[in-house]
C-alpha atoms as a PDB file:
ATOM      1  CA  UNK A   1      31.005 -21.191  34.362  1.00  0.00           C
ATOM      2  CA  UNK A   2      27.695 -20.081  32.823  1.00  0.00           C
ATOM      3  CA  UNK A   3      27.382 -19.891  29.053  1.00  0.00           C
ATOM      4  CA  UNK A   4      27.725 -16.560  27.321  1.00  0.00           C
ATOM      5  CA  UNK A   5      24.486 -14.990  26.056  1.00  0.00           C
ATOM      6  CA  UNK A   6      23.987 -15.751  22.370  1.00  0.00           C
ATOM      7  CA  UNK A   7      24.953 -12.767  20.174  1.00  0.00           C
ATOM      8  CA  UNK A   8      22.044 -10.881  18.607  1.00  0.00           C
ATOM      9  CA  UNK A   9      22.246 -10.909  14.806  1.00  0.00           C
ATOM     10  CA  UNK A  10      21.329  -7.920  12.653  1.00  0.00           C
ATOM     11  CA  UNK A  11      19.732  -7.523   9.219  1.00  0.00           C
ATOM     12  CA  UNK A  12      21.158  -4.910   6.836  1.00  0.00           C
ATOM     13  CA  UNK A  13      18.583  -2.753   5.009  1.00  0.00           C
ATOM     14  CA  UNK A  14      16.692  -5.165   2.736  1.00  0.00           C
ATOM     15  CA  UNK A  15      15.998  -8.860   2.394  1.00  0.00           C
ATOM     16  CA  UNK A  16      17.270 -10.987  -0.461  1.00  0.00           C
ATOM     17  CA  UNK A  17      13.644 -11.865  -1.066  1.00  0.00           C
ATOM     18  CA  UNK A  18      11.124  -9.156  -1.949  1.00  0.00           C
ATOM     19  CA  UNK A  19       9.741  -9.024   1.591  1.00  0.00           C
ATOM     20  CA  UNK A  20      11.556  -5.765   2.435  1.00  0.00           C
ATOM     21  CA  UNK A  21      12.081  -3.338  -0.451  1.00  0.00           C
ATOM     22  CA  UNK A  22      12.208   0.472  -0.431  1.00  0.00           C
ATOM     23  CA  UNK A  23      11.437   3.045  -3.108  1.00  0.00           C
ATOM     24  CA  UNK A  24      13.734   5.850  -4.208  1.00  0.00           C
ATOM     25  CA  UNK A  25      14.000   8.559  -6.851  1.00  0.00           C
ATOM     26  CA  UNK A  26      16.927  10.028  -8.751  1.00  0.00           C
ATOM     27  CA  UNK A  27      17.777  13.696  -8.518  1.00  0.00           C
ATOM     28  CA  UNK A  28      17.339  14.015 -12.284  1.00  0.00           C
ATOM     29  CA  UNK A  29      13.799  12.609 -12.229  1.00  0.00           C
ATOM     30  CA  UNK A  30      12.801  14.701  -9.225  1.00  0.00           C
ATOM     31  CA  UNK A  31      14.093  17.965 -10.684  1.00  0.00           C
ATOM     32  CA  UNK A  32      12.211  17.344 -13.928  1.00  0.00           C
ATOM     33  CA  UNK A  33       8.969  17.862 -11.996  1.00  0.00           C
ATOM     34  CA  UNK A  34       7.244  21.036 -10.857  1.00  0.00           C
ATOM     35  CA  UNK A  35       7.469  21.985  -7.180  1.00  0.00           C
ATOM     36  CA  UNK A  36       4.077  20.391  -6.567  1.00  0.00           C
ATOM     37  CA  UNK A  37       5.149  17.316  -8.509  1.00  0.00           C
ATOM     38  CA  UNK A  38       8.325  16.984  -6.458  1.00  0.00           C
ATOM     39  CA  UNK A  39       6.360  17.195  -3.229  1.00  0.00           C
ATOM     40  CA  UNK A  40       3.897  14.572  -4.421  1.00  0.00           C
ATOM     41  CA  UNK A  41       6.689  12.170  -5.396  1.00  0.00           C
ATOM     42  CA  UNK A  42       8.488  12.598  -2.075  1.00  0.00           C
ATOM     43  CA  UNK A  43       5.277  12.329  -0.060  1.00  0.00           C
ATOM     44  CA  UNK A  44       4.409   9.054  -1.793  1.00  0.00           C
ATOM     45  CA  UNK A  45       7.902   7.653  -1.272  1.00  0.00           C
ATOM     46  CA  UNK A  46       8.101   8.727   2.364  1.00  0.00           C
ATOM     47  CA  UNK A  47       4.735   7.152   3.180  1.00  0.00           C
ATOM     48  CA  UNK A  48       5.533   3.947   1.293  1.00  0.00           C
ATOM     49  CA  UNK A  49       8.978   3.635   2.852  1.00  0.00           C
ATOM     50  CA  UNK A  50       7.617   4.240   6.332  1.00  0.00           C
ATOM     51  CA  UNK A  51       5.176   1.397   5.745  1.00  0.00           C
ATOM     52  CA  UNK A  52       8.060  -0.725   4.511  1.00  0.00           C
ATOM     53  CA  UNK A  53       9.977   0.070   7.687  1.00  0.00           C
ATOM     54  CA  UNK A  54       6.979  -1.150   9.661  1.00  0.00           C
ATOM     55  CA  UNK A  55       7.008  -4.364   7.608  1.00  0.00           C
ATOM     56  CA  UNK A  56      10.741  -4.723   8.185  1.00  0.00           C
ATOM     57  CA  UNK A  57      10.172  -4.518  11.942  1.00  0.00           C
ATOM     58  CA  UNK A  58       7.431  -7.125  11.711  1.00  0.00           C
ATOM     59  CA  UNK A  59       9.713  -9.315   9.602  1.00  0.00           C
ATOM     60  CA  UNK A  60      12.526  -9.013  12.149  1.00  0.00           C
ATOM     61  CA  UNK A  61      10.173  -9.888  14.974  1.00  0.00           C
ATOM     62  CA  UNK A  62       8.901 -12.997  13.155  1.00  0.00           C
ATOM     63  CA  UNK A  63      12.459 -14.115  12.327  1.00  0.00           C
ATOM     64  CA  UNK A  64      13.893 -13.397  15.756  1.00  0.00           C
ATOM     65  CA  UNK A  65      16.183 -10.675  14.385  1.00  0.00           C
ATOM     66  CA  UNK A  66      16.906  -8.094  17.069  1.00  0.00           C
ATOM     67  CA  UNK A  67      18.835  -5.426  15.154  1.00  0.00           C
ATOM     68  CA  UNK A  68      17.860  -3.670  11.939  1.00  0.00           C
ATOM     69  CA  UNK A  69      20.021  -1.307   9.890  1.00  0.00           C
ATOM     70  CA  UNK A  70      17.762   1.142   8.109  1.00  0.00           C
ATOM     71  CA  UNK A  71      18.819   2.199   4.603  1.00  0.00           C
ATOM     72  CA  UNK A  72      20.725   5.465   4.421  1.00  0.00           C
ATOM     73  CA  UNK A  73      18.404   6.538   1.582  1.00  0.00           C
ATOM     74  CA  UNK A  74      15.140   5.573   3.279  1.00  0.00           C
ATOM     75  CA  UNK A  75      13.830   9.156   2.915  1.00  0.00           C
ATOM     76  CA  UNK A  76      15.512  10.629  -0.180  1.00  0.00           C
ATOM     77  CA  UNK A  77      16.139  14.392  -0.142  1.00  0.00           C
ATOM     78  CA  UNK A  78      15.208  14.651   3.528  1.00  0.00           C
ATOM     79  CA  UNK A  79      18.398  16.677   3.901  1.00  0.00           C
ATOM     80  CA  UNK A  80      16.848  19.387   1.698  1.00  0.00           C
ATOM     81  CA  UNK A  81      14.210  21.971   2.659  1.00  0.00           C
ATOM     82  CA  UNK A  82      11.587  20.326   0.459  1.00  0.00           C
ATOM     83  CA  UNK A  83      12.157  16.956   2.104  1.00  0.00           C
ATOM     84  CA  UNK A  84      11.897  18.384   5.608  1.00  0.00           C
ATOM     85  CA  UNK A  85       8.653  20.130   4.681  1.00  0.00           C
ATOM     86  CA  UNK A  86       7.187  16.942   3.214  1.00  0.00           C
ATOM     87  CA  UNK A  87       8.197  14.984   6.301  1.00  0.00           C
ATOM     88  CA  UNK A  88       6.602  17.402   8.778  1.00  0.00           C
ATOM     89  CA  UNK A  89       3.054  15.951   8.596  1.00  0.00           C
ATOM     90  CA  UNK A  90       4.495  12.446   9.031  1.00  0.00           C
ATOM     91  CA  UNK A  91       6.128  13.161  12.393  1.00  0.00           C
ATOM     92  CA  UNK A  92       3.385  11.362  14.310  1.00  0.00           C
ATOM     93  CA  UNK A  93       3.615   8.268  12.148  1.00  0.00           C
ATOM     94  CA  UNK A  94       7.411   8.266  12.487  1.00  0.00           C
ATOM     95  CA  UNK A  95       7.123   8.414  16.264  1.00  0.00           C
ATOM     96  CA  UNK A  96       4.677   5.494  16.291  1.00  0.00           C
ATOM     97  CA  UNK A  97       7.037   3.385  14.179  1.00  0.00           C
ATOM     98  CA  UNK A  98       9.960   4.192  16.442  1.00  0.00           C
ATOM     99  CA  UNK A  99       7.938   3.270  19.510  1.00  0.00           C
ATOM    100  CA  UNK A 100       6.969   0.022  17.792  1.00  0.00           C
ATOM    101  CA  UNK A 101      10.648  -0.856  17.329  1.00  0.00           C
ATOM    102  CA  UNK A 102      11.296  -0.108  20.988  1.00  0.00           C
ATOM    103  CA  UNK A 103       8.311  -2.190  22.117  1.00  0.00           C
ATOM    104  CA  UNK A 104       9.468  -5.121  19.979  1.00  0.00           C
ATOM    105  CA  UNK A 105      13.009  -4.869  21.375  1.00  0.00           C
ATOM    106  CA  UNK A 106      14.481  -4.213  17.933  1.00  0.00           C
ATOM    107  CA  UNK A 107      17.553  -2.010  17.849  1.00  0.00           C
ATOM    108  CA  UNK A 108      17.663   0.519  14.992  1.00  0.00           C
ATOM    109  CA  UNK A 109      20.975   1.699  13.516  1.00  0.00           C
ATOM    110  CA  UNK A 110      22.091   3.546  10.377  1.00  0.00           C
ATOM    111  CA  UNK A 111      25.218   3.657   8.236  1.00  0.00           C
ATOM    112  CA  UNK A 112      25.424   6.980   6.318  1.00  0.00           C
ATOM    113  CA  UNK A 113      26.836   6.660   2.812  1.00  0.00           C
ATOM    114  CA  UNK A 114      30.366   7.054   1.474  1.00  0.00           C
ATOM    115  CA  UNK A 115      29.917  10.797   0.934  1.00  0.00           C
ATOM    116  CA  UNK A 116      30.384  11.342   4.677  1.00  0.00           C
ATOM    117  CA  UNK A 117      34.087  12.208   5.049  1.00  0.00           C
ATOM    118  CA  UNK A 118      34.613  14.239   8.206  1.00  0.00           C
ATOM    119  CA  UNK A 119      38.385  13.967   7.776  1.00  0.00           C
ATOM    120  CA  UNK A 120      38.377  15.591   4.328  1.00  0.00           C
ATOM    121  CA  UNK A 121      40.670  18.553   3.692  1.00  0.00           C
ATOM    122  CA  UNK A 122      37.831  20.208   1.747  1.00  0.00           C
ATOM    123  CA  UNK A 123      35.581  22.476   3.862  1.00  0.00           C
ATOM    124  CA  UNK A 124      32.704  21.854   1.430  1.00  0.00           C
ATOM    125  CA  UNK A 125      32.987  18.084   1.814  1.00  0.00           C
ATOM    126  CA  UNK A 126      33.073  18.413   5.599  1.00  0.00           C
ATOM    127  CA  UNK A 127      30.028  20.707   5.591  1.00  0.00           C
ATOM    128  CA  UNK A 128      28.110  18.283   3.358  1.00  0.00           C
ATOM    129  CA  UNK A 129      29.143  15.399   5.610  1.00  0.00           C
ATOM    130  CA  UNK A 130      27.703  17.149   8.653  1.00  0.00           C
ATOM    131  CA  UNK A 131      24.524  17.902   6.670  1.00  0.00           C
ATOM    132  CA  UNK A 132      24.101  14.220   5.802  1.00  0.00           C
ATOM    133  CA  UNK A 133      24.786  13.137   9.370  1.00  0.00           C
ATOM    134  CA  UNK A 134      22.260  15.665  10.652  1.00  0.00           C
ATOM    135  CA  UNK A 135      19.627  14.157   8.354  1.00  0.00           C
ATOM    136  CA  UNK A 136      20.277  10.727   9.858  1.00  0.00           C
ATOM    137  CA  UNK A 137      20.175  12.140  13.379  1.00  0.00           C
ATOM    138  CA  UNK A 138      16.860  13.843  12.554  1.00  0.00           C
ATOM    139  CA  UNK A 139      15.434  10.500  11.393  1.00  0.00           C
ATOM    140  CA  UNK A 140      16.488   8.911  14.675  1.00  0.00           C
ATOM    141  CA  UNK A 141      14.950  11.804  16.606  1.00  0.00           C
ATOM    142  CA  UNK A 142      11.672  11.500  14.697  1.00  0.00           C
ATOM    143  CA  UNK A 143      11.658   7.784  15.494  1.00  0.00           C
ATOM    144  CA  UNK A 144      12.115   8.728  19.169  1.00  0.00           C
ATOM    145  CA  UNK A 145      15.326   6.754  19.398  1.00  0.00           C
ATOM    146  CA  UNK A 146      17.784   7.675  22.163  1.00  0.00           C
ATOM    147  CA  UNK A 147      20.682  10.015  21.619  1.00  0.00           C
ATOM    148  CA  UNK A 148      23.183   7.334  22.451  1.00  0.00           C
ATOM    149  CA  UNK A 149      25.191   4.645  20.645  1.00  0.00           C
ATOM    150  CA  UNK A 150      22.206   2.321  21.082  1.00  0.00           C
ATOM    151  CA  UNK A 151      20.723   4.144  18.050  1.00  0.00           C
ATOM    152  CA  UNK A 152      24.073   4.569  16.397  1.00  0.00           C
ATOM    153  CA  UNK A 153      25.239   6.290  13.225  1.00  0.00           C
ATOM    154  CA  UNK A 154      28.295   4.409  11.952  1.00  0.00           C
ATOM    155  CA  UNK A 155      30.862   5.867   9.572  1.00  0.00           C
ATOM    156  CA  UNK A 156      34.412   5.159   8.408  1.00  0.00           C
ATOM    157  CA  UNK A 157      37.425   7.319   9.119  1.00  0.00           C
ATOM    158  CA  UNK A 158      37.520   8.718   5.585  1.00  0.00           C
ATOM    159  CA  UNK A 159      40.656  10.398   4.275  1.00  0.00           C
ATOM    160  CA  UNK A 160      43.807   8.644   5.467  1.00  0.00           C
ATOM    161  CA  UNK A 161      46.416  10.285   7.706  1.00  0.00           C
ATOM    162  CA  UNK A 162      43.912  12.869   8.955  1.00  0.00           C
ATOM    163  CA  UNK A 163      43.189  11.484  12.419  1.00  0.00           C
ATOM    164  CA  UNK A 164      43.811  14.795  14.203  1.00  0.00           C
ATOM    165  CA  UNK A 165      41.314  16.559  11.938  1.00  0.00           C
ATOM    166  CA  UNK A 166      38.825  13.740  12.462  1.00  0.00           C
ATOM    167  CA  UNK A 167      39.065  14.047  16.239  1.00  0.00           C
ATOM    168  CA  UNK A 168      38.609  17.825  16.048  1.00  0.00           C
ATOM    169  CA  UNK A 169      35.573  17.579  13.770  1.00  0.00           C
ATOM    170  CA  UNK A 170      33.879  14.966  15.901  1.00  0.00           C
ATOM    171  CA  UNK A 171      34.222  17.260  18.915  1.00  0.00           C
ATOM    172  CA  UNK A 172      32.470  20.052  16.993  1.00  0.00           C
ATOM    173  CA  UNK A 173      29.487  17.957  15.863  1.00  0.00           C
ATOM    174  CA  UNK A 174      25.980  18.795  17.061  1.00  0.00           C
ATOM    175  CA  UNK A 175      24.899  16.792  20.087  1.00  0.00           C
ATOM    176  CA  UNK A 176      22.266  14.753  18.200  1.00  0.00           C
ATOM    177  CA  UNK A 177      25.021  13.404  15.927  1.00  0.00           C
ATOM    178  CA  UNK A 178      27.972  13.161  18.297  1.00  0.00           C
ATOM    179  CA  UNK A 179      26.118  11.172  20.955  1.00  0.00           C
ATOM    180  CA  UNK A 180      25.193   8.505  18.375  1.00  0.00           C
ATOM    181  CA  UNK A 181      28.386   8.441  16.318  1.00  0.00           C
ATOM    182  CA  UNK A 182      30.516   5.296  16.005  1.00  0.00           C
ATOM    183  CA  UNK A 183      33.603   4.711  13.866  1.00  0.00           C
ATOM    184  CA  UNK A 184      34.426   1.551  11.931  1.00  0.00           C
ATOM    185  CA  UNK A 185      37.777   0.275  10.689  1.00  0.00           C
ATOM    186  CA  UNK A 186      38.246  -0.290   6.943  1.00  0.00           C
ATOM    187  CA  UNK A 187      40.584  -2.086   4.549  1.00  0.00           C
ATOM    188  CA  UNK A 188      42.764   0.837   3.459  1.00  0.00           C
ATOM    189  CA  UNK A 189      42.557   4.236   5.141  1.00  0.00           C
ATOM    190  CA  UNK A 190      42.108   3.386   8.832  1.00  0.00           C
ATOM    191  CA  UNK A 191      43.166   0.032  10.236  1.00  0.00           C
ATOM    192  CA  UNK A 192      41.526  -1.330  13.359  1.00  0.00           C
ATOM    193  CA  UNK A 193      44.389  -0.009  15.487  1.00  0.00           C
ATOM    194  CA  UNK A 194      44.246   3.422  13.850  1.00  0.00           C
ATOM    195  CA  UNK A 195      40.486   3.850  14.170  1.00  0.00           C
ATOM    196  CA  UNK A 196      40.679   2.597  17.754  1.00  0.00           C
ATOM    197  CA  UNK A 197      43.128   5.399  18.506  1.00  0.00           C
ATOM    198  CA  UNK A 198      40.705   7.948  17.016  1.00  0.00           C
ATOM    199  CA  UNK A 199      37.835   6.480  19.031  1.00  0.00           C
ATOM    200  CA  UNK A 200      39.783   6.690  22.287  1.00  0.00           C
ATOM    201  CA  UNK A 201      40.809  10.278  21.595  1.00  0.00           C
ATOM    202  CA  UNK A 202      37.353  11.412  20.479  1.00  0.00           C
ATOM    203  CA  UNK A 203      35.353   9.455  23.035  1.00  0.00           C
ATOM    204  CA  UNK A 204      33.172   7.594  20.534  1.00  0.00           C
ATOM    205  CA  UNK A 205      32.644   3.823  20.341  1.00  0.00           C
ATOM    206  CA  UNK A 206      34.432   1.640  17.813  1.00  0.00           C
ATOM    207  CA  UNK A 207      32.671  -0.853  15.560  1.00  0.00           C
ATOM    208  CA  UNK A 208      35.103  -3.652  14.837  1.00  0.00           C
ATOM    209  CA  UNK A 209      34.800  -5.321  11.437  1.00  0.00           C
ATOM    210  CA  UNK A 210      36.815  -8.547  11.443  1.00  0.00           C
ATOM    211  CA  UNK A 211      36.700  -8.932   7.657  1.00  0.00           C
ATOM    212  CA  UNK A 212      38.034  -5.417   7.045  1.00  0.00           C
ATOM    213  CA  UNK A 213      40.739  -6.230   9.592  1.00  0.00           C
ATOM    214  CA  UNK A 214      41.946  -9.438   7.917  1.00  0.00           C
ATOM    215  CA  UNK A 215      41.966  -7.750   4.496  1.00  0.00           C
ATOM    216  CA  UNK A 216      43.847  -4.709   5.815  1.00  0.00           C
ATOM    217  CA  UNK A 217      46.445  -6.780   7.664  1.00  0.00           C
ATOM    218  CA  UNK A 218      46.689  -9.634   5.130  1.00  0.00           C
ATOM    219  CA  UNK A 219      45.762 -12.265   7.714  1.00  0.00           C
ATOM    220  CA  UNK A 220      45.060 -15.892   6.836  1.00  0.00           C
ATOM    221  CA  UNK A 221      42.609 -16.730   9.620  1.00  0.00           C
ATOM    222  CA  UNK A 222      40.102 -15.230  12.040  1.00  0.00           C
ATOM    223  CA  UNK A 223      42.040 -17.149  14.679  1.00  0.00           C
ATOM    224  CA  UNK A 224      44.882 -14.638  14.415  1.00  0.00           C
ATOM    225  CA  UNK A 225      45.341 -13.274  17.966  1.00  0.00           C
ATOM    226  CA  UNK A 226      44.871  -9.709  16.732  1.00  0.00           C
ATOM    227  CA  UNK A 227      41.192 -10.390  15.964  1.00  0.00           C
ATOM    228  CA  UNK A 228      40.323 -11.192  19.579  1.00  0.00           C
ATOM    229  CA  UNK A 229      42.631  -8.404  20.745  1.00  0.00           C
ATOM    230  CA  UNK A 230      40.935  -5.744  18.618  1.00  0.00           C
ATOM    231  CA  UNK A 231      37.494  -7.021  19.583  1.00  0.00           C
ATOM    232  CA  UNK A 232      38.388  -6.518  23.245  1.00  0.00           C
ATOM    233  CA  UNK A 233      39.913  -3.095  22.625  1.00  0.00           C
ATOM    234  CA  UNK A 234      36.833  -2.009  20.703  1.00  0.00           C
ATOM    235  CA  UNK A 235      34.594  -3.247  23.516  1.00  0.00           C
ATOM    236  CA  UNK A 236      36.410  -0.990  25.976  1.00  0.00           C
ATOM    237  CA  UNK A 237      35.379   2.085  23.951  1.00  0.00           C
ATOM    238  CA  UNK A 238      31.686   1.457  24.671  1.00  0.00           C
ATOM    239  CA  UNK A 239      30.250   3.146  27.757  1.00  0.00           C
ATOM    240  CA  UNK A 240      27.880   0.175  27.968  1.00  0.00           C
ATOM    241  CA  UNK A 241      29.843  -2.875  26.742  1.00  0.00           C
ATOM    242  CA  UNK A 242      26.587  -4.798  26.309  1.00  0.00           C
ATOM    243  CA  UNK A 243      25.755  -2.440  23.433  1.00  0.00           C
ATOM    244  CA  UNK A 244      28.937  -3.223  21.495  1.00  0.00           C
ATOM    245  CA  UNK A 245      28.247  -3.830  17.805  1.00  0.00           C
ATOM    246  CA  UNK A 246      30.562  -5.627  15.383  1.00  0.00           C
ATOM    247  CA  UNK A 247      30.339  -6.536  11.695  1.00  0.00           C
ATOM    248  CA  UNK A 248      31.019  -9.810   9.937  1.00  0.00           C
ATOM    249  CA  UNK A 249      31.347 -10.802   6.293  1.00  0.00           C
ATOM    250  CA  UNK A 250      33.404 -13.382   4.396  1.00  0.00           C
ATOM    251  CA  UNK A 251      35.414 -12.904   1.213  1.00  0.00           C
ATOM    252  CA  UNK A 252      33.671 -13.916  -1.992  1.00  0.00           C
ATOM    253  CA  UNK A 253      36.549 -15.511  -3.947  1.00  0.00           C
ATOM    254  CA  UNK A 254      38.914 -16.138  -1.065  1.00  0.00           C
ATOM    255  CA  UNK A 255      39.472 -15.344   2.588  1.00  0.00           C
ATOM    256  CA  UNK A 256      41.125 -11.981   1.852  1.00  0.00           C
ATOM    257  CA  UNK A 257      38.758 -10.932  -0.932  1.00  0.00           C
ATOM    258  CA  UNK A 258      37.232  -7.591   0.068  1.00  0.00           C
ATOM    259  CA  UNK A 259      34.030  -8.433  -1.845  1.00  0.00           C
ATOM    260  CA  UNK A 260      31.343  -9.944   0.369  1.00  0.00           C
ATOM    261  CA  UNK A 261      30.224 -13.538  -0.074  1.00  0.00           C
ATOM    262  CA  UNK A 262      26.594 -14.636  -0.237  1.00  0.00           C
ATOM    263  CA  UNK A 263      26.634 -16.445   3.110  1.00  0.00           C
ATOM    264  CA  UNK A 264      28.766 -16.659   6.236  1.00  0.00           C
ATOM    265  CA  UNK A 265      30.786 -19.882   6.263  1.00  0.00           C
ATOM    266  CA  UNK A 266      33.332 -19.009   8.948  1.00  0.00           C
ATOM    267  CA  UNK A 267      33.120 -16.877  12.083  1.00  0.00           C
ATOM    268  CA  UNK A 268      35.834 -15.636  14.431  1.00  0.00           C
ATOM    269  CA  UNK A 269      35.822 -17.706  17.603  1.00  0.00           C
ATOM    270  CA  UNK A 270      36.104 -14.460  19.575  1.00  0.00           C
ATOM    271  CA  UNK A 271      32.766 -13.247  18.163  1.00  0.00           C
ATOM    272  CA  UNK A 272      31.008 -15.514  20.651  1.00  0.00           C
ATOM    273  CA  UNK A 273      31.720 -12.663  23.078  1.00  0.00           C
ATOM    274  CA  UNK A 274      30.221  -9.966  20.820  1.00  0.00           C
ATOM    275  CA  UNK A 275      26.731  -9.005  22.011  1.00  0.00           C
ATOM    276  CA  UNK A 276      25.520  -7.567  18.672  1.00  0.00           C
ATOM    277  CA  UNK A 277      26.629  -8.644  15.185  1.00  0.00           C
ATOM    278  CA  UNK A 278      25.551  -7.105  11.871  1.00  0.00           C
ATOM    279  CA  UNK A 279      25.598  -9.737   9.138  1.00  0.00           C
ATOM    280  CA  UNK A 280      27.004  -8.132   5.980  1.00  0.00           C
ATOM    281  CA  UNK A 281      26.436 -10.966   3.508  1.00  0.00           C
ATOM    282  CA  UNK A 282      24.807 -10.686   0.090  1.00  0.00           C
ATOM    283  CA  UNK A 283      21.984 -13.113   0.833  1.00  0.00           C
ATOM    284  CA  UNK A 284      20.958 -11.189   3.931  1.00  0.00           C
ATOM    285  CA  UNK A 285      18.341 -13.189   5.849  1.00  0.00           C
ATOM    286  CA  UNK A 286      19.566 -16.486   4.369  1.00  0.00           C
ATOM    287  CA  UNK A 287      22.973 -15.811   5.900  1.00  0.00           C
ATOM    288  CA  UNK A 288      21.322 -15.083   9.248  1.00  0.00           C
ATOM    289  CA  UNK A 289      19.322 -18.313   9.026  1.00  0.00           C
ATOM    290  CA  UNK A 290      22.557 -20.188   8.371  1.00  0.00           C
ATOM    291  CA  UNK A 291      23.904 -18.911  11.685  1.00  0.00           C
ATOM    292  CA  UNK A 292      20.914 -19.992  13.771  1.00  0.00           C
ATOM    293  CA  UNK A 293      22.897 -22.782  15.447  1.00  0.00           C
ATOM    294  CA  UNK A 294      26.143 -20.833  15.803  1.00  0.00           C
ATOM    295  CA  UNK A 295      28.076 -21.019  18.086  1.00  0.00           C
ATOM    296  CA  UNK A 296      26.426 -24.176  19.526  1.00  0.00           C
ATOM    297  CA  UNK A 297      29.601 -25.113  21.366  1.00  0.00           C
ATOM    298  CA  UNK A 298      31.856 -25.012  18.332  1.00  0.00           C
ATOM    299  CA  UNK A 299      33.641 -22.449  16.174  1.00  0.00           C
ATOM    300  CA  UNK A 300      35.342 -22.271  12.815  1.00  0.00           C
ATOM    301  CA  UNK A 301      33.537 -23.216   9.599  1.00  0.00           C
ATOM    302  CA  UNK A 302      29.792 -22.964  10.073  1.00  0.00           C
ATOM    303  CA  UNK A 303      29.050 -25.914   7.803  1.00  0.00           C
ATOM    304  CA  UNK A 304      31.624 -28.267   9.283  1.00  0.00           C
ATOM    305  CA  UNK A 305      30.109 -31.351  10.917  1.00  0.00           C
ATOM    306  CA  UNK A 306      29.778 -31.047  14.663  1.00  0.00           C
ATOM    307  CA  UNK A 307      32.407 -32.967  16.646  1.00  0.00           C
END
């Protein structure tokens, strides 16, 4: 039997070093300025952050990293009229950067922030959630990324016990959002089984997070059969299984600690079959470097001596 292709590992937003760092601005500071001052601040930040994105792509290429999660706040206030107006002259530069990512074979994804709660029982929260998602979809469009889960927008289920509402709201989303949307399980509101049910009903792919799963279910090992089972179920929700993305992190103070550790010391054996893995560890690229020789014919603790 031929060996499985090695999973592609993904970098999340910034590096632990200063190689990849983005600028931002608070709402308070921005609103203290005149209209012209606000535009100047946003124009400077947008141009700087676009250059940083270019550097991030170059960094990923040099390090052999094939997936990059862009920060949700890469272009602050782009969901407002002033931000869209400031961005307009940069459309050409955005397209060139997106084409660069495609040429380098680097997959771009985004994870909108915690304010996106499509399952909320508040119409205002739902409307704001769609507004935020539209901003992310617009960024992907400007970067000329496909309207498919390849260039995905990943969110959590949000408010618990609202799966029917979540399914209904996903169906009503604009095409640029809905075609990229993926749902991820979490520790409290939507278990892996629950979010899988929503994904099947709504026709969107599931991102399986093994750490969220073990915390939610109180498991003592990634070798629990449910980990491999949920990985396989999640894979079946992807129209192209080779595009399946999963997340990994380890607990900081213990296996079931929801806080992320600096590095990855243990991986699920079943993750050898995951084509794309986002590494959600505090030390970012150092954690990825520590996985360079995984799986290498063995599983379990990454730093254990080879048999």
